[in-house]
């Protein structure tokens, strides 16, 4: 089932997220729905808060960018209660976009060498070092689990320059071509 994506400005994107109880009813269906939503919206990652669920859950399919970033080829991940540890390296600036911030992309500095520990869709605990763009995708999606959106990490001058565009998204004036939800209070602002 394709679910609506909550857009920038909706409070669910900033709320506290709870660890997933791996015995929760409907978990596998939720994961399937998240993948369907991500694919239909042409994303490479989706965090549960983006579909209105304040759970520590992420789905990623980085394969579509595998031609440009070989570390992403064939990488399809379900991250339940993920933990990211930055390992080393200088931050690298690359353009990022987000399904919750449609129509915008901005340069974000991130390190590109991490260790990810998570529970997978088979409820197996895993740990792996990741590099390059795959590490960036993981960090971007896991930021959502802490109420952080990539525009929080851009240079202050850039954020000031896109302020009106962010307000338009929050108010529902920047319409994506996929189902979405905005904060109802934003329409009255």
C-alpha atoms as a PDB file:
ATOM      1  CA  UNK A   1       0.000   0.000   0.000  1.00  0.00           C
ATOM      2  CA  UNK A   2       1.294   3.407  -0.991  1.00  0.00           C
ATOM      3  CA  UNK A   3       1.319   5.768   1.983  1.00  0.00           C
ATOM      4  CA  UNK A   4       1.347   9.584   2.041  1.00  0.00           C
ATOM      5  CA  UNK A   5       4.666  11.264   2.797  1.00  0.00           C
ATOM      6  CA  UNK A   6       4.690  13.920   5.494  1.00  0.00           C
ATOM      7  CA  UNK A   7       6.243  17.146   4.280  1.00  0.00           C
ATOM      8  CA  UNK A   8       8.628  19.616   5.875  1.00  0.00           C
ATOM      9  CA  UNK A   9       6.905  21.556   8.659  1.00  0.00           C
ATOM     10  CA  UNK A  10       4.773  18.670   9.899  1.00  0.00           C
ATOM     11  CA  UNK A  11       5.477  18.076  13.613  1.00  0.00           C
ATOM     12  CA  UNK A  12       5.717  14.285  13.166  1.00  0.00           C
ATOM     13  CA  UNK A  13       9.088  14.849  11.457  1.00  0.00           C
ATOM     14  CA  UNK A  14      10.490  16.474  14.610  1.00  0.00           C
ATOM     15  CA  UNK A  15       8.881  14.215  17.239  1.00  0.00           C
ATOM     16  CA  UNK A  16      10.700  11.646  19.362  1.00  0.00           C
ATOM     17  CA  UNK A  17      10.916   8.220  17.732  1.00  0.00           C
ATOM     18  CA  UNK A  18      10.575   4.973  19.664  1.00  0.00           C
ATOM     19  CA  UNK A  19      12.529   1.781  19.222  1.00  0.00           C
ATOM     20  CA  UNK A  20      10.670  -0.793  17.177  1.00  0.00           C
ATOM     21  CA  UNK A  21       9.417  -3.788  19.123  1.00  0.00           C
ATOM     22  CA  UNK A  22      10.355  -6.530  16.659  1.00  0.00           C
ATOM     23  CA  UNK A  23       7.346  -8.571  17.789  1.00  0.00           C
ATOM     24  CA  UNK A  24       4.899  -5.788  16.917  1.00  0.00           C
ATOM     25  CA  UNK A  25       1.944  -6.891  14.852  1.00  0.00           C
ATOM     26  CA  UNK A  26       2.070  -5.750  11.240  1.00  0.00           C
ATOM     27  CA  UNK A  27       5.818  -4.985  11.144  1.00  0.00           C
ATOM     28  CA  UNK A  28       6.486  -6.872   7.903  1.00  0.00           C
ATOM     29  CA  UNK A  29       3.443  -5.228   6.265  1.00  0.00           C
ATOM     30  CA  UNK A  30       4.663  -1.789   7.389  1.00  0.00           C
ATOM     31  CA  UNK A  31       8.104  -2.508   5.892  1.00  0.00           C
ATOM     32  CA  UNK A  32       6.507  -3.637   2.603  1.00  0.00           C
ATOM     33  CA  UNK A  33       4.332  -0.512   2.529  1.00  0.00           C
ATOM     34  CA  UNK A  34       7.372   1.681   3.148  1.00  0.00           C
ATOM     35  CA  UNK A  35       9.235   0.098   0.223  1.00  0.00           C
ATOM     36  CA  UNK A  36       6.179   0.511  -2.036  1.00  0.00           C
ATOM     37  CA  UNK A  37       5.856   4.162  -0.982  1.00  0.00           C
ATOM     38  CA  UNK A  38       9.559   4.822  -1.543  1.00  0.00           C
ATOM     39  CA  UNK A  39       9.532   3.222  -5.007  1.00  0.00           C
ATOM     40  CA  UNK A  40       6.341   5.024  -6.077  1.00  0.00           C
ATOM     41  CA  UNK A  41       7.890   8.335  -4.965  1.00  0.00           C
ATOM     42  CA  UNK A  42      11.191   7.565  -6.721  1.00  0.00           C
ATOM     43  CA  UNK A  43      13.271   7.775  -3.557  1.00  0.00           C
ATOM     44  CA  UNK A  44      16.260   5.696  -2.457  1.00  0.00           C
ATOM     45  CA  UNK A  45      15.398   5.828   1.241  1.00  0.00           C
ATOM     46  CA  UNK A  46      12.465   6.405   3.548  1.00  0.00           C
ATOM     47  CA  UNK A  47      12.248   6.710   7.326  1.00  0.00           C
ATOM     48  CA  UNK A  48       9.127   5.838   9.311  1.00  0.00           C
ATOM     49  CA  UNK A  49       8.574   9.445  10.530  1.00  0.00           C
ATOM     50  CA  UNK A  50       8.173  10.422   6.870  1.00  0.00           C
ATOM     51  CA  UNK A  51       5.016   8.298   6.729  1.00  0.00           C
ATOM     52  CA  UNK A  52       3.741   9.543  10.081  1.00  0.00           C
ATOM     53  CA  UNK A  53       5.084   6.699  12.247  1.00  0.00           C
ATOM     54  CA  UNK A  54       7.422   7.733  15.043  1.00  0.00           C
ATOM     55  CA  UNK A  55       9.400   4.511  14.972  1.00  0.00           C
ATOM     56  CA  UNK A  56      13.122   3.862  14.488  1.00  0.00           C
ATOM     57  CA  UNK A  57      12.662   2.173  11.120  1.00  0.00           C
ATOM     58  CA  UNK A  58      14.230   2.894   7.717  1.00  0.00           C
ATOM     59  CA  UNK A  59      14.079   1.292   4.292  1.00  0.00           C
ATOM     60  CA  UNK A  60      16.743   1.882   1.635  1.00  0.00           C
ATOM     61  CA  UNK A  61      17.221   0.709  -1.925  1.00  0.00           C
ATOM     62  CA  UNK A  62      20.367   2.412  -3.186  1.00  0.00           C
ATOM     63  CA  UNK A  63      20.614   0.322  -6.373  1.00  0.00           C
ATOM     64  CA  UNK A  64      19.146   3.058  -8.640  1.00  0.00           C
ATOM     65  CA  UNK A  65      22.309   5.144  -8.051  1.00  0.00           C
ATOM     66  CA  UNK A  66      24.607   2.112  -8.299  1.00  0.00           C
ATOM     67  CA  UNK A  67      25.871   3.099 -11.763  1.00  0.00           C
ATOM     68  CA  UNK A  68      27.278   6.341 -10.400  1.00  0.00           C
ATOM     69  CA  UNK A  69      28.184   5.032  -6.921  1.00  0.00           C
ATOM     70  CA  UNK A  70      29.312   1.362  -7.100  1.00  0.00           C
ATOM     71  CA  UNK A  71      29.013   0.898  -3.309  1.00  0.00           C
ATOM     72  CA  UNK A  72      25.250   1.357  -3.755  1.00  0.00           C
ATOM     73  CA  UNK A  73      24.757  -1.329  -6.428  1.00  0.00           C
ATOM     74  CA  UNK A  74      22.433  -4.078  -5.218  1.00  0.00           C
ATOM     75  CA  UNK A  75      22.042  -2.552  -1.745  1.00  0.00           C
ATOM     76  CA  UNK A  76      18.508  -2.973  -0.397  1.00  0.00           C
ATOM     77  CA  UNK A  77      18.279  -2.617   3.375  1.00  0.00           C
ATOM     78  CA  UNK A  78      15.685  -2.629   6.121  1.00  0.00           C
ATOM     79  CA  UNK A  79      17.069  -0.902   9.216  1.00  0.00           C
ATOM     80  CA  UNK A  80      15.259  -1.613  12.464  1.00  0.00           C
ATOM     81  CA  UNK A  81      16.600   0.389  15.424  1.00  0.00           C
ATOM     82  CA  UNK A  82      19.780   1.418  13.567  1.00  0.00           C
ATOM     83  CA  UNK A  83      22.840   2.907  15.240  1.00  0.00           C
ATOM     84  CA  UNK A  84      25.379   4.906  13.234  1.00  0.00           C
ATOM     85  CA  UNK A  85      28.968   5.354  14.367  1.00  0.00           C
ATOM     86  CA  UNK A  86      31.142   7.818  12.447  1.00  0.00           C
ATOM     87  CA  UNK A  87      34.525   6.192  11.880  1.00  0.00           C
ATOM     88  CA  UNK A  88      36.849   8.640  10.163  1.00  0.00           C
ATOM     89  CA  UNK A  89      37.438  10.982   7.301  1.00  0.00           C
ATOM     90  CA  UNK A  90      36.894  14.601   6.512  1.00  0.00           C
ATOM     91  CA  UNK A  91      33.343  15.684   5.746  1.00  0.00           C
ATOM     92  CA  UNK A  92      32.532  15.704   2.029  1.00  0.00           C
ATOM     93  CA  UNK A  93      29.967  18.079   0.557  1.00  0.00           C
ATOM     94  CA  UNK A  94      27.430  16.508  -1.814  1.00  0.00           C
ATOM     95  CA  UNK A  95      23.962  17.423  -2.983  1.00  0.00           C
ATOM     96  CA  UNK A  96      21.058  15.797  -1.127  1.00  0.00           C
ATOM     97  CA  UNK A  97      17.321  15.866  -1.586  1.00  0.00           C
ATOM     98  CA  UNK A  98      14.460  14.445   0.459  1.00  0.00           C
ATOM     99  CA  UNK A  99      10.949  13.202  -0.221  1.00  0.00           C
ATOM    100  CA  UNK A 100       9.776  15.357   2.701  1.00  0.00           C
ATOM    101  CA  UNK A 101      11.326  18.448   1.091  1.00  0.00           C
ATOM    102  CA  UNK A 102      10.160  18.078  -2.527  1.00  0.00           C
ATOM    103  CA  UNK A 103      11.740  20.089  -5.296  1.00  0.00           C
ATOM    104  CA  UNK A 104      14.845  21.124  -3.356  1.00  0.00           C
ATOM    105  CA  UNK A 105      18.380  19.837  -3.119  1.00  0.00           C
ATOM    106  CA  UNK A 106      21.261  21.339  -1.204  1.00  0.00           C
ATOM    107  CA  UNK A 107      24.895  20.549  -0.465  1.00  0.00           C
ATOM    108  CA  UNK A 108      25.390  18.804   2.877  1.00  0.00           C
ATOM    109  CA  UNK A 109      28.717  17.927   4.501  1.00  0.00           C
ATOM    110  CA  UNK A 110      28.952  14.388   5.870  1.00  0.00           C
ATOM    111  CA  UNK A 111      31.722  11.916   6.580  1.00  0.00           C
ATOM    112  CA  UNK A 112      31.624   8.962   4.240  1.00  0.00           C
ATOM    113  CA  UNK A 113      32.923   6.167   6.479  1.00  0.00           C
ATOM    114  CA  UNK A 114      30.580   4.767   9.119  1.00  0.00           C
ATOM    115  CA  UNK A 115      29.755   1.622  11.022  1.00  0.00           C
ATOM    116  CA  UNK A 116      26.080   0.743  10.962  1.00  0.00           C
ATOM    117  CA  UNK A 117      24.539  -1.652  13.471  1.00  0.00           C
ATOM    118  CA  UNK A 118      20.907  -2.667  12.979  1.00  0.00           C
ATOM    119  CA  UNK A 119      18.323  -5.399  13.013  1.00  0.00           C
ATOM    120  CA  UNK A 120      17.294  -6.523   9.529  1.00  0.00           C
ATOM    121  CA  UNK A 121      13.904  -7.618   8.191  1.00  0.00           C
ATOM    122  CA  UNK A 122      14.684 -11.214   9.243  1.00  0.00           C
ATOM    123  CA  UNK A 123      15.199  -9.922  12.815  1.00  0.00           C
ATOM    124  CA  UNK A 124      18.927 -10.640  12.658  1.00  0.00           C
ATOM    125  CA  UNK A 125      21.292  -8.169  14.336  1.00  0.00           C
ATOM    126  CA  UNK A 126      23.933  -6.962  11.880  1.00  0.00           C
ATOM    127  CA  UNK A 127      26.927  -4.650  11.792  1.00  0.00           C
ATOM    128  CA  UNK A 128      28.804  -3.382   8.760  1.00  0.00           C
ATOM    129  CA  UNK A 129      31.222  -0.642   7.770  1.00  0.00           C
ATOM    130  CA  UNK A 130      29.904   1.483   4.921  1.00  0.00           C
ATOM    131  CA  UNK A 131      31.578   4.098   2.778  1.00  0.00           C
ATOM    132  CA  UNK A 132      30.853   6.648   0.107  1.00  0.00           C
ATOM    133  CA  UNK A 133      27.377   7.525  -1.024  1.00  0.00           C
ATOM    134  CA  UNK A 134      25.817   4.519   0.704  1.00  0.00           C
ATOM    135  CA  UNK A 135      27.098   5.854   4.034  1.00  0.00           C
ATOM    136  CA  UNK A 136      25.563   9.233   3.134  1.00  0.00           C
ATOM    137  CA  UNK A 137      22.151   7.706   2.376  1.00  0.00           C
ATOM    138  CA  UNK A 138      22.205   5.796   5.673  1.00  0.00           C
ATOM    139  CA  UNK A 139      23.128   8.920   7.659  1.00  0.00           C
ATOM    140  CA  UNK A 140      20.459  11.002   5.894  1.00  0.00           C
ATOM    141  CA  UNK A 141      17.714   8.477   6.659  1.00  0.00           C
ATOM    142  CA  UNK A 142      18.895   7.826  10.226  1.00  0.00           C
ATOM    143  CA  UNK A 143      18.901  11.594  10.860  1.00  0.00           C
ATOM    144  CA  UNK A 144      15.119  11.453  10.411  1.00  0.00           C
ATOM    145  CA  UNK A 145      15.002   9.128  13.416  1.00  0.00           C
ATOM    146  CA  UNK A 146      16.445  11.971  15.508  1.00  0.00           C
ATOM    147  CA  UNK A 147      14.077  14.589  14.107  1.00  0.00           C
ATOM    148  CA  UNK A 148      16.783  16.031  11.840  1.00  0.00           C
ATOM    149  CA  UNK A 149      16.107  16.978   8.230  1.00  0.00           C
ATOM    150  CA  UNK A 150      18.980  17.568   5.826  1.00  0.00           C
ATOM    151  CA  UNK A 151      18.174  21.287   5.519  1.00  0.00           C
ATOM    152  CA  UNK A 152      19.095  21.577   9.214  1.00  0.00           C
ATOM    153  CA  UNK A 153      22.684  20.774   8.194  1.00  0.00           C
ATOM    154  CA  UNK A 154      23.170  23.250   5.369  1.00  0.00           C
ATOM    155  CA  UNK A 155      25.047  26.504   5.660  1.00  0.00           C
ATOM    156  CA  UNK A 156      23.008  29.202   7.455  1.00  0.00           C
ATOM    157  CA  UNK A 157      23.165  31.538   4.453  1.00  0.00           C
ATOM    158  CA  UNK A 158      21.738  28.815   2.181  1.00  0.00           C
ATOM    159  CA  UNK A 159      18.971  28.091   4.662  1.00  0.00           C
ATOM    160  CA  UNK A 160      18.089  31.782   4.712  1.00  0.00           C
ATOM    161  CA  UNK A 161      17.995  31.812   0.911  1.00  0.00           C
ATOM    162  CA  UNK A 162      15.554  28.882   0.729  1.00  0.00           C
ATOM    163  CA  UNK A 163      13.409  29.974   3.678  1.00  0.00           C
ATOM    164  CA  UNK A 164      10.456  30.987   1.491  1.00  0.00           C
ATOM    165  CA  UNK A 165      10.584  27.708  -0.431  1.00  0.00           C
ATOM    166  CA  UNK A 166      10.516  25.783   2.855  1.00  0.00           C
ATOM    167  CA  UNK A 167       7.524  27.832   4.002  1.00  0.00           C
ATOM    168  CA  UNK A 168       5.746  27.057   0.725  1.00  0.00           C
ATOM    169  CA  UNK A 169       6.350  23.326   1.206  1.00  0.00           C
ATOM    170  CA  UNK A 170       5.100  23.479   4.796  1.00  0.00           C
ATOM    171  CA  UNK A 171       1.942  25.288   3.699  1.00  0.00           C
ATOM    172  CA  UNK A 172       1.214  22.857   0.867  1.00  0.00           C
ATOM    173  CA  UNK A 173       1.979  25.324  -1.927  1.00  0.00           C
ATOM    174  CA  UNK A 174       4.772  23.180  -3.358  1.00  0.00           C
ATOM    175  CA  UNK A 175       2.926  20.045  -4.430  1.00  0.00           C
ATOM    176  CA  UNK A 176       4.876  16.827  -5.066  1.00  0.00           C
ATOM    177  CA  UNK A 177       3.566  14.247  -7.536  1.00  0.00           C
ATOM    178  CA  UNK A 178       3.001  11.674  -4.787  1.00  0.00           C
ATOM    179  CA  UNK A 179       0.498  11.499  -1.916  1.00  0.00           C
ATOM    180  CA  UNK A 180       1.507  13.790   0.949  1.00  0.00           C
ATOM    181  CA  UNK A 181       0.417  15.293   4.254  1.00  0.00           C
ATOM    182  CA  UNK A 182       1.137  18.727   5.664  1.00  0.00           C
ATOM    183  CA  UNK A 183       0.598  20.162   9.113  1.00  0.00           C
ATOM    184  CA  UNK A 184      -3.042  21.395   9.027  1.00  0.00           C
ATOM    185  CA  UNK A 185      -2.022  24.401  11.131  1.00  0.00           C
ATOM    186  CA  UNK A 186       0.431  25.470   8.396  1.00  0.00           C
ATOM    187  CA  UNK A 187      -2.422  26.423   6.049  1.00  0.00           C
ATOM    188  CA  UNK A 188      -3.576  29.029   8.577  1.00  0.00           C
ATOM    189  CA  UNK A 189      -0.182  30.684   8.949  1.00  0.00           C
END
